[in-house]
Structures are given as structure tokens and as C-alpha cells.
């Protein structure tokens, strides 16, 4: 059984990529850096491919996060005939702020 989260603390996972995918991208980038001396062109090509893969994965994850947030408060405006309460809207607003601020700092 998972222990309950302390009151008032948000336990939402704020990472857009899971650990495994992040590790794979980091390993690929490390490999690209490691082969530079022997094959500079291949090294740069591989690094570009890693950045491209990271971009696509981050954009997809961000779209998924945005869709999940939107579904919680938008849609028909109600779920099962009940509008989202103020606390749910406050938490959703906080999440929008946190995600946007993280993107602006990147």
C-alpha cells in the first residue's frame, strides 16, 4: 500500500520524460561525445539526432500534459453534471504556472 501524501504537498511527478528515456538519451549523447576524436562528423551527427529525439519526446509529453490538464477543467465544463471545485481549479492553475515557468527557464 502506498503511504498517503502529507497534506498540502503536491506529489505530482513534474518530469516530462521518464527516467529510462532520459537515461537512454543521456547515454546516446555521452556516446556521441566519446567518439568525437575518432569520428568528428559522426559524433556531431549523432548529437544532432539525440537533440532531435529529445525535442520530439518532450513536445509529445508536453502535449499530453496539457491535454490532461485541460480535460480536468474544460471539456464540457462539467464532469457527471458537476463543475470542478475551486480547489481543483487552483491546483490546475498552479500546475499550469509551474510547467510554463519551467519552460521559460529552459
C-alpha atoms as a PDB file:
ATOM      1  CA  UNK A   1       0.000   0.000   0.000  1.00  0.00           C
ATOM      2  CA  UNK A   2       1.306   3.479  -0.900  1.00  0.00           C
ATOM      3  CA  UNK A   3       1.567   5.857   2.047  1.00  0.00           C
ATOM      4  CA  UNK A   4      -0.647   8.916   1.937  1.00  0.00           C
ATOM      5  CA  UNK A   5       0.952  12.166   0.839  1.00  0.00           C
ATOM      6  CA  UNK A   6       1.397  14.802   3.527  1.00  0.00           C
ATOM      7  CA  UNK A   7      -1.383  17.374   3.492  1.00  0.00           C
ATOM      8  CA  UNK A   8      -0.710  20.436   1.442  1.00  0.00           C
ATOM      9  CA  UNK A   9       2.131  18.844  -0.528  1.00  0.00           C
ATOM     10  CA  UNK A  10       1.864  18.240  -4.217  1.00  0.00           C
ATOM     11  CA  UNK A  11       3.298  14.834  -5.076  1.00  0.00           C
ATOM     12  CA  UNK A  12       2.722  15.146  -8.817  1.00  0.00           C
ATOM     13  CA  UNK A  13       5.672  13.989 -10.883  1.00  0.00           C
ATOM     14  CA  UNK A  14       6.812  17.124 -12.706  1.00  0.00           C
ATOM     15  CA  UNK A  15       9.194  15.379 -15.097  1.00  0.00           C
ATOM     16  CA  UNK A  16       8.133  15.213 -18.702  1.00  0.00           C
ATOM     17  CA  UNK A  17      10.327  12.206 -19.562  1.00  0.00           C
ATOM     18  CA  UNK A  18      10.582   9.067 -17.501  1.00  0.00           C
ATOM     19  CA  UNK A  19      13.933   8.016 -16.037  1.00  0.00           C
ATOM     20  CA  UNK A  20      14.510   5.264 -18.591  1.00  0.00           C
ATOM     21  CA  UNK A  21      14.004   7.509 -21.600  1.00  0.00           C
ATOM     22  CA  UNK A  22      16.111  10.283 -20.096  1.00  0.00           C
ATOM     23  CA  UNK A  23      18.886   7.751 -19.364  1.00  0.00           C
ATOM     24  CA  UNK A  24      18.788   6.452 -22.958  1.00  0.00           C
ATOM     25  CA  UNK A  25      19.119   9.974 -24.351  1.00  0.00           C
ATOM     26  CA  UNK A  26      21.966  10.769 -21.956  1.00  0.00           C
ATOM     27  CA  UNK A  27      23.776   7.546 -22.937  1.00  0.00           C
ATOM     28  CA  UNK A  28      23.416   8.356 -26.621  1.00  0.00           C
ATOM     29  CA  UNK A  29      24.755  11.865 -26.050  1.00  0.00           C
ATOM     30  CA  UNK A  30      27.658  10.522 -23.988  1.00  0.00           C
ATOM     31  CA  UNK A  31      28.469   8.100 -26.815  1.00  0.00           C
ATOM     32  CA  UNK A  32      28.415  10.960 -29.340  1.00  0.00           C
ATOM     33  CA  UNK A  33      30.864  12.919 -27.200  1.00  0.00           C
ATOM     34  CA  UNK A  34      33.111   9.907 -26.656  1.00  0.00           C
ATOM     35  CA  UNK A  35      33.598   9.153 -30.368  1.00  0.00           C
ATOM     36  CA  UNK A  36      34.425  12.708 -31.405  1.00  0.00           C
ATOM     37  CA  UNK A  37      38.194  12.175 -31.584  1.00  0.00           C
ATOM     38  CA  UNK A  38      37.864   9.161 -33.872  1.00  0.00           C
ATOM     39  CA  UNK A  39      34.922  10.377 -35.922  1.00  0.00           C
ATOM     40  CA  UNK A  40      34.010  14.064 -35.508  1.00  0.00           C
ATOM     41  CA  UNK A  41      31.371  14.103 -38.266  1.00  0.00           C
ATOM     42  CA  UNK A  42      29.606  11.008 -36.920  1.00  0.00           C
ATOM     43  CA  UNK A  43      29.815  12.440 -33.402  1.00  0.00           C
ATOM     44  CA  UNK A  44      28.093  15.680 -34.368  1.00  0.00           C
ATOM     45  CA  UNK A  45      25.518  13.814 -36.450  1.00  0.00           C
ATOM     46  CA  UNK A  46      24.685  11.570 -33.505  1.00  0.00           C
ATOM     47  CA  UNK A  47      24.457  14.537 -31.114  1.00  0.00           C
ATOM     48  CA  UNK A  48      22.044  16.243 -33.533  1.00  0.00           C
ATOM     49  CA  UNK A  49      19.919  13.090 -33.646  1.00  0.00           C
ATOM     50  CA  UNK A  50      19.825  12.946 -29.839  1.00  0.00           C
ATOM     51  CA  UNK A  51      18.642  16.554 -29.668  1.00  0.00           C
ATOM     52  CA  UNK A  52      16.008  15.832 -32.321  1.00  0.00           C
ATOM     53  CA  UNK A  53      14.752  12.786 -30.396  1.00  0.00           C
ATOM     54  CA  UNK A  54      14.676  14.743 -27.135  1.00  0.00           C
ATOM     55  CA  UNK A  55      12.744  17.551 -28.795  1.00  0.00           C
ATOM     56  CA  UNK A  56      10.117  15.199 -30.233  1.00  0.00           C
ATOM     57  CA  UNK A  57       9.701  13.316 -26.961  1.00  0.00           C
ATOM     58  CA  UNK A  58       9.460  16.492 -24.888  1.00  0.00           C
ATOM     59  CA  UNK A  59       6.924  18.076 -27.243  1.00  0.00           C
ATOM     60  CA  UNK A  60       4.782  14.917 -27.183  1.00  0.00           C
ATOM     61  CA  UNK A  61       4.993  14.715 -23.389  1.00  0.00           C
ATOM     62  CA  UNK A  62       4.107  18.396 -23.057  1.00  0.00           C
ATOM     63  CA  UNK A  63       1.089  17.960 -25.337  1.00  0.00           C
ATOM     64  CA  UNK A  64      -0.045  15.000 -23.220  1.00  0.00           C
ATOM     65  CA  UNK A  65       0.378  17.025 -20.011  1.00  0.00           C
ATOM     66  CA  UNK A  66      -1.552  19.963 -21.471  1.00  0.00           C
ATOM     67  CA  UNK A  67      -4.369  17.687 -22.677  1.00  0.00           C
ATOM     68  CA  UNK A  68      -4.645  16.054 -19.247  1.00  0.00           C
ATOM     69  CA  UNK A  69      -4.784  19.434 -17.527  1.00  0.00           C
ATOM     70  CA  UNK A  70      -7.358  20.731 -19.954  1.00  0.00           C
ATOM     71  CA  UNK A  71      -9.537  17.639 -19.598  1.00  0.00           C
ATOM     72  CA  UNK A  72      -9.716  18.216 -15.860  1.00  0.00           C
ATOM     73  CA  UNK A  73     -11.401  21.578 -16.086  1.00  0.00           C
ATOM     74  CA  UNK A  74     -12.504  22.256 -19.643  1.00  0.00           C
ATOM     75  CA  UNK A  75     -14.326  19.890 -21.960  1.00  0.00           C
ATOM     76  CA  UNK A  76     -17.993  20.366 -21.269  1.00  0.00           C
ATOM     77  CA  UNK A  77     -17.200  22.402 -18.165  1.00  0.00           C
ATOM     78  CA  UNK A  78     -18.676  19.661 -16.045  1.00  0.00           C
ATOM     79  CA  UNK A  79     -17.966  16.051 -15.251  1.00  0.00           C
ATOM     80  CA  UNK A  80     -21.009  13.942 -14.479  1.00  0.00           C
ATOM     81  CA  UNK A  81     -23.036  17.123 -14.060  1.00  0.00           C
ATOM     82  CA  UNK A  82     -20.612  18.615 -11.508  1.00  0.00           C
ATOM     83  CA  UNK A  83     -18.350  21.574 -12.243  1.00  0.00           C
ATOM     84  CA  UNK A  84     -14.775  21.389 -10.958  1.00  0.00           C
ATOM     85  CA  UNK A  85     -14.492  22.884  -7.494  1.00  0.00           C
ATOM     86  CA  UNK A  86     -12.356  25.899  -6.681  1.00  0.00           C
ATOM     87  CA  UNK A  87      -9.615  23.795  -5.069  1.00  0.00           C
ATOM     88  CA  UNK A  88      -9.302  21.616  -8.160  1.00  0.00           C
ATOM     89  CA  UNK A  89      -9.112  24.730 -10.324  1.00  0.00           C
ATOM     90  CA  UNK A  90      -6.482  26.250  -8.003  1.00  0.00           C
ATOM     91  CA  UNK A  91      -4.322  23.135  -8.277  1.00  0.00           C
ATOM     92  CA  UNK A  92      -4.733  23.089 -12.044  1.00  0.00           C
ATOM     93  CA  UNK A  93      -3.745  26.751 -12.266  1.00  0.00           C
ATOM     94  CA  UNK A  94      -0.688  26.078 -10.119  1.00  0.00           C
ATOM     95  CA  UNK A  95       0.340  23.236 -12.420  1.00  0.00           C
ATOM     96  CA  UNK A  96      -0.062  25.448 -15.498  1.00  0.00           C
ATOM     97  CA  UNK A  97       2.125  28.060 -13.806  1.00  0.00           C
ATOM     98  CA  UNK A  98       4.806  25.543 -12.809  1.00  0.00           C
ATOM     99  CA  UNK A  99       5.031  23.952 -16.257  1.00  0.00           C
ATOM    100  CA  UNK A 100       5.116  27.339 -18.003  1.00  0.00           C
ATOM    101  CA  UNK A 101       7.782  28.706 -15.638  1.00  0.00           C
ATOM    102  CA  UNK A 102       9.935  25.609 -16.195  1.00  0.00           C
ATOM    103  CA  UNK A 103       9.699  26.093 -19.958  1.00  0.00           C
ATOM    104  CA  UNK A 104      10.591  29.772 -19.683  1.00  0.00           C
ATOM    105  CA  UNK A 105      13.676  28.937 -17.574  1.00  0.00           C
ATOM    106  CA  UNK A 106      14.892  26.308 -20.047  1.00  0.00           C
END
